């Protein structure tokens, strides 16, 4: 699983957007609108990315830093949501799957086979 780090979370009022930072992206097609939960998940992904980058600097690059495998990442994000919002894993799992699928469809996240 790889996260492309050339996106930044932007907040305008109560709206959150993942915006590509590099000019070679078709900007309108690559902007992803997030709700508060999505913004929290993005920030959680960034924390995992930062931790992985610190732990495994030889494997990480500025543009494509490695992340845990699919199941491990899903578990980490579920635990983060459970701790933040006091909900069960069964309640948050569909949101995490939807979030990861959205990132994958936009090319922001690449899943391992």
N, C-alpha and C. Protein backbone atom coordinates (compact mmCIF):
# COMPACT_ATOMS: atom_id res chain seq x y z
N UNK A 1 0.86 -1.17 0.00
CA UNK A 1 0.00 0.00 0.00
C UNK A 1 0.90 1.23 0.00
N UNK A 2 0.60 2.18 -0.89
CA UNK A 2 1.40 3.39 -0.96
C UNK A 2 0.50 4.61 -0.99
N UNK A 3 0.91 5.63 -0.26
CA UNK A 3 0.18 6.89 -0.20
C UNK A 3 1.00 7.95 -0.91
N UNK A 4 0.39 8.59 -1.89
CA UNK A 4 1.05 9.67 -2.61
C UNK A 4 0.95 10.93 -1.76
N UNK A 5 2.08 11.46 -1.42
CA UNK A 5 2.12 12.54 -0.42
C UNK A 5 2.03 13.93 -1.03
N UNK A 6 1.69 14.05 -2.31
CA UNK A 6 1.59 15.36 -2.92
C UNK A 6 0.17 15.94 -2.83
N UNK A 7 -0.54 15.56 -1.79
CA UNK A 7 -1.88 16.09 -1.50
C UNK A 7 -1.87 16.73 -0.12
N UNK A 8 -2.66 17.79 0.02
CA UNK A 8 -2.76 18.45 1.31
C UNK A 8 -4.23 18.68 1.65
N UNK A 9 -4.55 18.52 2.92
CA UNK A 9 -5.90 18.75 3.41
C UNK A 9 -6.10 20.25 3.59
N UNK A 10 -7.16 20.77 2.98
CA UNK A 10 -7.52 22.18 3.11
C UNK A 10 -8.90 22.26 3.74
N UNK A 11 -9.08 23.26 4.58
CA UNK A 11 -10.35 23.47 5.26
C UNK A 11 -10.89 24.84 4.90
N UNK A 12 -12.13 24.86 4.42
CA UNK A 12 -12.82 26.12 4.14
C UNK A 12 -14.15 26.05 4.86
N UNK A 13 -14.27 26.79 5.95
CA UNK A 13 -15.48 26.72 6.77
C UNK A 13 -15.64 25.33 7.34
N UNK A 14 -16.77 24.70 7.02
CA UNK A 14 -17.03 23.35 7.51
C UNK A 14 -16.71 22.28 6.46
N UNK A 15 -16.09 22.70 5.36
CA UNK A 15 -15.76 21.78 4.27
C UNK A 15 -14.28 21.45 4.27
N UNK A 16 -13.96 20.20 3.91
CA UNK A 16 -12.59 19.74 3.83
C UNK A 16 -12.33 19.24 2.42
N UNK A 17 -11.14 19.54 1.91
CA UNK A 17 -10.77 19.13 0.56
C UNK A 17 -9.35 18.59 0.57
N UNK A 18 -9.13 17.49 -0.15
CA UNK A 18 -7.79 17.01 -0.42
C UNK A 18 -7.40 17.58 -1.78
N UNK A 19 -6.36 18.40 -1.78
CA UNK A 19 -5.98 19.14 -2.98
C UNK A 19 -4.58 18.71 -3.41
N UNK A 20 -4.40 18.41 -4.71
CA UNK A 20 -3.05 18.07 -5.18
C UNK A 20 -2.16 19.30 -5.14
N UNK A 21 -0.91 19.12 -4.74
CA UNK A 21 0.03 20.23 -4.64
C UNK A 21 0.86 20.41 -5.90
N UNK A 22 0.99 19.40 -6.70
CA UNK A 22 1.80 19.48 -7.92
C UNK A 22 0.94 19.93 -9.09
N UNK A 23 1.50 20.76 -9.91
CA UNK A 23 0.74 21.36 -11.00
C UNK A 23 0.46 20.40 -12.16
N UNK A 24 1.10 19.24 -12.21
CA UNK A 24 0.87 18.31 -13.31
C UNK A 24 -0.39 17.47 -13.13
N UNK A 25 -1.12 17.65 -12.03
CA UNK A 25 -2.38 16.95 -11.81
C UNK A 25 -3.53 17.74 -12.43
N UNK A 26 -4.51 17.06 -13.03
CA UNK A 26 -5.73 17.77 -13.43
C UNK A 26 -6.50 18.14 -12.16
N UNK A 27 -6.35 19.35 -11.73
CA UNK A 27 -6.77 19.78 -10.40
C UNK A 27 -8.24 19.47 -10.09
N UNK A 28 -9.15 19.86 -10.93
CA UNK A 28 -10.58 19.67 -10.64
C UNK A 28 -10.90 18.19 -10.48
N UNK A 29 -10.35 17.36 -11.34
CA UNK A 29 -10.63 15.92 -11.27
C UNK A 29 -9.99 15.25 -10.06
N UNK A 30 -8.95 15.84 -9.52
CA UNK A 30 -8.21 15.20 -8.44
C UNK A 30 -8.57 15.72 -7.05
N UNK A 31 -9.38 16.75 -6.95
CA UNK A 31 -9.79 17.26 -5.64
C UNK A 31 -10.81 16.30 -5.05
N UNK A 32 -10.62 15.95 -3.81
CA UNK A 32 -11.53 15.05 -3.11
C UNK A 32 -12.16 15.80 -1.94
N UNK A 33 -13.48 15.84 -1.90
CA UNK A 33 -14.20 16.50 -0.81
C UNK A 33 -14.38 15.50 0.32
N UNK A 34 -14.07 15.93 1.55
CA UNK A 34 -14.18 15.06 2.71
C UNK A 34 -15.11 15.68 3.75
N UNK A 35 -15.73 14.81 4.54
CA UNK A 35 -16.47 15.30 5.71
C UNK A 35 -15.50 15.30 6.90
N UNK A 36 -16.01 15.60 8.08
CA UNK A 36 -15.16 15.68 9.26
C UNK A 36 -14.47 14.34 9.55
N UNK A 37 -15.20 13.26 9.37
CA UNK A 37 -14.61 11.93 9.59
C UNK A 37 -13.51 11.65 8.58
N UNK A 38 -13.74 12.00 7.32
CA UNK A 38 -12.72 11.82 6.29
C UNK A 38 -11.47 12.63 6.58
N UNK A 39 -11.66 13.87 7.06
CA UNK A 39 -10.52 14.71 7.42
C UNK A 39 -9.74 14.08 8.57
N UNK A 40 -10.47 13.54 9.54
CA UNK A 40 -9.81 12.86 10.67
C UNK A 40 -9.02 11.65 10.17
N UNK A 41 -9.62 10.87 9.26
CA UNK A 41 -8.93 9.70 8.71
C UNK A 41 -7.70 10.11 7.92
N UNK A 42 -7.79 11.19 7.16
CA UNK A 42 -6.62 11.67 6.41
C UNK A 42 -5.49 12.04 7.37
N UNK A 43 -5.82 12.77 8.41
CA UNK A 43 -4.81 13.15 9.39
C UNK A 43 -4.21 11.91 10.07
N UNK A 44 -5.05 10.91 10.31
CA UNK A 44 -4.56 9.65 10.90
C UNK A 44 -3.61 8.95 9.92
N UNK A 45 -3.95 8.95 8.64
CA UNK A 45 -3.08 8.37 7.63
C UNK A 45 -1.72 9.08 7.62
N UNK A 46 -1.76 10.40 7.72
CA UNK A 46 -0.53 11.17 7.74
C UNK A 46 0.34 10.79 8.94
N UNK A 47 -0.29 10.56 10.09
CA UNK A 47 0.46 10.15 11.27
C UNK A 47 1.11 8.79 11.07
N UNK A 48 0.37 7.86 10.47
CA UNK A 48 0.92 6.53 10.18
C UNK A 48 2.08 6.68 9.19
N UNK A 49 1.89 7.51 8.19
CA UNK A 49 2.93 7.75 7.20
C UNK A 49 4.18 8.32 7.85
N UNK A 50 3.99 9.29 8.71
CA UNK A 50 5.12 9.91 9.41
C UNK A 50 5.85 8.89 10.27
N UNK A 51 5.09 8.04 10.95
CA UNK A 51 5.69 7.01 11.80
C UNK A 51 6.48 6.02 10.94
N UNK A 52 5.91 5.58 9.82
CA UNK A 52 6.59 4.65 8.92
C UNK A 52 7.86 5.28 8.36
N UNK A 53 7.77 6.56 8.00
CA UNK A 53 8.92 7.26 7.43
C UNK A 53 10.06 7.33 8.44
N UNK A 54 9.73 7.51 9.71
CA UNK A 54 10.72 7.58 10.77
C UNK A 54 11.31 6.20 11.06
N UNK A 55 10.44 5.18 11.06
CA UNK A 55 10.88 3.83 11.39
C UNK A 55 11.67 3.19 10.25
N UNK A 56 11.25 3.46 9.00
CA UNK A 56 11.88 2.82 7.85
C UNK A 56 12.35 3.86 6.83
N UNK A 57 13.31 4.71 7.16
CA UNK A 57 13.70 5.78 6.27
C UNK A 57 14.28 5.31 4.94
N UNK A 58 14.92 4.14 4.89
CA UNK A 58 15.49 3.67 3.64
C UNK A 58 14.42 3.27 2.63
N UNK A 59 13.26 2.85 3.11
CA UNK A 59 12.19 2.44 2.21
C UNK A 59 11.28 3.60 1.82
N UNK A 60 11.33 4.68 2.54
CA UNK A 60 10.44 5.80 2.29
C UNK A 60 11.08 6.79 1.33
N UNK A 61 10.25 7.37 0.49
CA UNK A 61 10.70 8.45 -0.38
C UNK A 61 9.78 9.64 -0.17
N UNK A 62 10.16 10.78 -0.66
CA UNK A 62 9.34 11.99 -0.47
C UNK A 62 7.99 11.85 -1.15
N UNK A 63 7.94 11.16 -2.31
CA UNK A 63 6.69 11.10 -3.06
C UNK A 63 5.84 9.88 -2.76
N UNK A 64 6.44 8.78 -2.35
CA UNK A 64 5.70 7.54 -2.15
C UNK A 64 6.25 6.78 -0.95
N UNK A 65 5.82 7.13 0.23
CA UNK A 65 6.30 6.46 1.43
C UNK A 65 5.48 5.20 1.69
N UNK A 66 6.12 4.11 2.14
CA UNK A 66 5.39 2.86 2.37
C UNK A 66 4.50 2.92 3.60
N UNK A 67 3.42 2.21 3.54
CA UNK A 67 2.48 2.12 4.65
C UNK A 67 2.33 0.66 5.05
N UNK A 68 1.69 0.40 6.17
CA UNK A 68 1.41 -0.99 6.56
C UNK A 68 0.55 -1.68 5.49
N UNK A 69 0.46 -3.00 5.58
CA UNK A 69 -0.39 -3.70 4.60
C UNK A 69 -1.85 -3.28 4.78
N UNK A 70 -2.69 -3.69 3.84
CA UNK A 70 -4.09 -3.26 3.80
C UNK A 70 -4.84 -3.51 5.10
N UNK A 71 -4.75 -4.73 5.61
CA UNK A 71 -5.48 -5.07 6.84
C UNK A 71 -4.98 -4.29 8.05
N UNK A 72 -3.66 -4.16 8.14
CA UNK A 72 -3.08 -3.44 9.27
C UNK A 72 -3.49 -1.97 9.25
N UNK A 73 -3.47 -1.37 8.06
CA UNK A 73 -3.86 0.03 7.94
C UNK A 73 -5.33 0.21 8.31
N UNK A 74 -6.18 -0.69 7.83
CA UNK A 74 -7.60 -0.62 8.15
C UNK A 74 -7.82 -0.72 9.66
N UNK A 75 -7.08 -1.60 10.31
CA UNK A 75 -7.19 -1.76 11.76
C UNK A 75 -6.75 -0.48 12.49
N UNK A 76 -5.63 0.09 12.05
CA UNK A 76 -5.12 1.32 12.68
C UNK A 76 -6.13 2.46 12.55
N UNK A 77 -6.73 2.60 11.38
CA UNK A 77 -7.70 3.67 11.17
C UNK A 77 -8.98 3.42 11.96
N UNK A 78 -9.42 2.17 12.02
CA UNK A 78 -10.60 1.84 12.84
C UNK A 78 -10.35 2.17 14.31
N UNK A 79 -9.18 1.80 14.81
CA UNK A 79 -8.86 2.09 16.21
C UNK A 79 -8.81 3.59 16.47
N UNK A 80 -8.27 4.34 15.53
CA UNK A 80 -8.20 5.80 15.68
C UNK A 80 -9.61 6.40 15.76
N UNK A 81 -10.51 5.96 14.88
CA UNK A 81 -11.89 6.44 14.91
C UNK A 81 -12.61 6.03 16.18
N UNK A 82 -12.38 4.79 16.61
CA UNK A 82 -13.01 4.31 17.84
C UNK A 82 -12.59 5.15 19.04
N UNK A 83 -11.32 5.48 19.10
CA UNK A 83 -10.81 6.28 20.23
C UNK A 83 -11.34 7.71 20.18
N UNK A 84 -11.43 8.27 18.99
CA UNK A 84 -11.85 9.67 18.84
C UNK A 84 -13.34 9.85 19.05
N UNK A 85 -14.14 8.93 18.51
CA UNK A 85 -15.60 9.11 18.49
C UNK A 85 -16.36 8.15 19.39
N UNK A 86 -15.67 7.29 20.12
CA UNK A 86 -16.32 6.34 21.03
C UNK A 86 -17.40 5.53 20.32
N UNK A 87 -16.98 4.85 19.25
CA UNK A 87 -17.88 4.00 18.46
C UNK A 87 -17.26 2.61 18.35
N UNK A 88 -18.03 1.66 17.86
CA UNK A 88 -17.54 0.29 17.73
C UNK A 88 -16.86 0.10 16.38
N UNK A 89 -16.08 -0.96 16.28
CA UNK A 89 -15.41 -1.29 15.02
C UNK A 89 -16.43 -1.55 13.92
N UNK A 90 -17.52 -2.22 14.26
CA UNK A 90 -18.57 -2.49 13.27
C UNK A 90 -19.18 -1.20 12.72
N UNK A 91 -19.22 -0.17 13.55
CA UNK A 91 -19.76 1.12 13.11
C UNK A 91 -18.79 1.87 12.20
N UNK A 92 -17.50 1.76 12.45
CA UNK A 92 -16.52 2.55 11.70
C UNK A 92 -15.94 1.84 10.48
N UNK A 93 -15.99 0.52 10.46
CA UNK A 93 -15.38 -0.23 9.36
C UNK A 93 -15.91 0.18 7.98
N UNK A 94 -17.22 0.34 7.80
CA UNK A 94 -17.71 0.78 6.47
C UNK A 94 -17.17 2.16 6.07
N UNK A 95 -17.05 3.07 7.03
CA UNK A 95 -16.51 4.40 6.74
C UNK A 95 -15.04 4.32 6.32
N UNK A 96 -14.29 3.49 7.01
CA UNK A 96 -12.87 3.33 6.68
C UNK A 96 -12.72 2.73 5.28
N UNK A 97 -13.51 1.72 4.97
CA UNK A 97 -13.46 1.10 3.65
C UNK A 97 -13.82 2.10 2.56
N UNK A 98 -14.87 2.88 2.78
CA UNK A 98 -15.29 3.89 1.81
C UNK A 98 -14.19 4.94 1.61
N UNK A 99 -13.60 5.38 2.70
CA UNK A 99 -12.52 6.36 2.63
C UNK A 99 -11.34 5.82 1.82
N UNK A 100 -10.89 4.62 2.13
CA UNK A 100 -9.76 4.03 1.42
C UNK A 100 -10.09 3.80 -0.06
N UNK A 101 -11.32 3.38 -0.34
CA UNK A 101 -11.73 3.19 -1.74
C UNK A 101 -11.73 4.51 -2.50
N UNK A 102 -12.17 5.58 -1.86
CA UNK A 102 -12.17 6.90 -2.50
C UNK A 102 -10.75 7.34 -2.83
N UNK A 103 -9.85 7.15 -1.89
CA UNK A 103 -8.45 7.52 -2.13
C UNK A 103 -7.85 6.68 -3.26
N UNK A 104 -8.22 5.41 -3.30
CA UNK A 104 -7.72 4.52 -4.34
C UNK A 104 -8.25 4.94 -5.71
N UNK A 105 -9.53 5.24 -5.79
CA UNK A 105 -10.13 5.64 -7.06
C UNK A 105 -9.52 6.93 -7.62
N UNK A 106 -9.13 7.83 -6.73
CA UNK A 106 -8.51 9.10 -7.17
C UNK A 106 -7.00 8.95 -7.43
N UNK A 107 -6.45 7.77 -7.14
CA UNK A 107 -5.02 7.56 -7.35
C UNK A 107 -4.15 8.12 -6.24
N UNK A 108 -4.76 8.47 -5.12
CA UNK A 108 -4.02 9.02 -3.99
C UNK A 108 -3.40 7.88 -3.18
N UNK A 109 -4.05 6.75 -3.17
CA UNK A 109 -3.61 5.58 -2.43
C UNK A 109 -3.53 4.40 -3.40
N UNK A 110 -2.44 3.66 -3.33
CA UNK A 110 -2.28 2.47 -4.16
C UNK A 110 -2.22 1.28 -3.24
N UNK A 111 -3.15 0.34 -3.42
CA UNK A 111 -3.21 -0.86 -2.58
C UNK A 111 -2.28 -1.94 -3.12
N UNK A 112 -1.72 -2.73 -2.20
CA UNK A 112 -0.93 -3.90 -2.60
C UNK A 112 -1.88 -5.01 -3.02
N UNK A 113 -1.39 -5.86 -3.89
CA UNK A 113 -2.18 -7.04 -4.31
C UNK A 113 -2.18 -8.09 -3.24
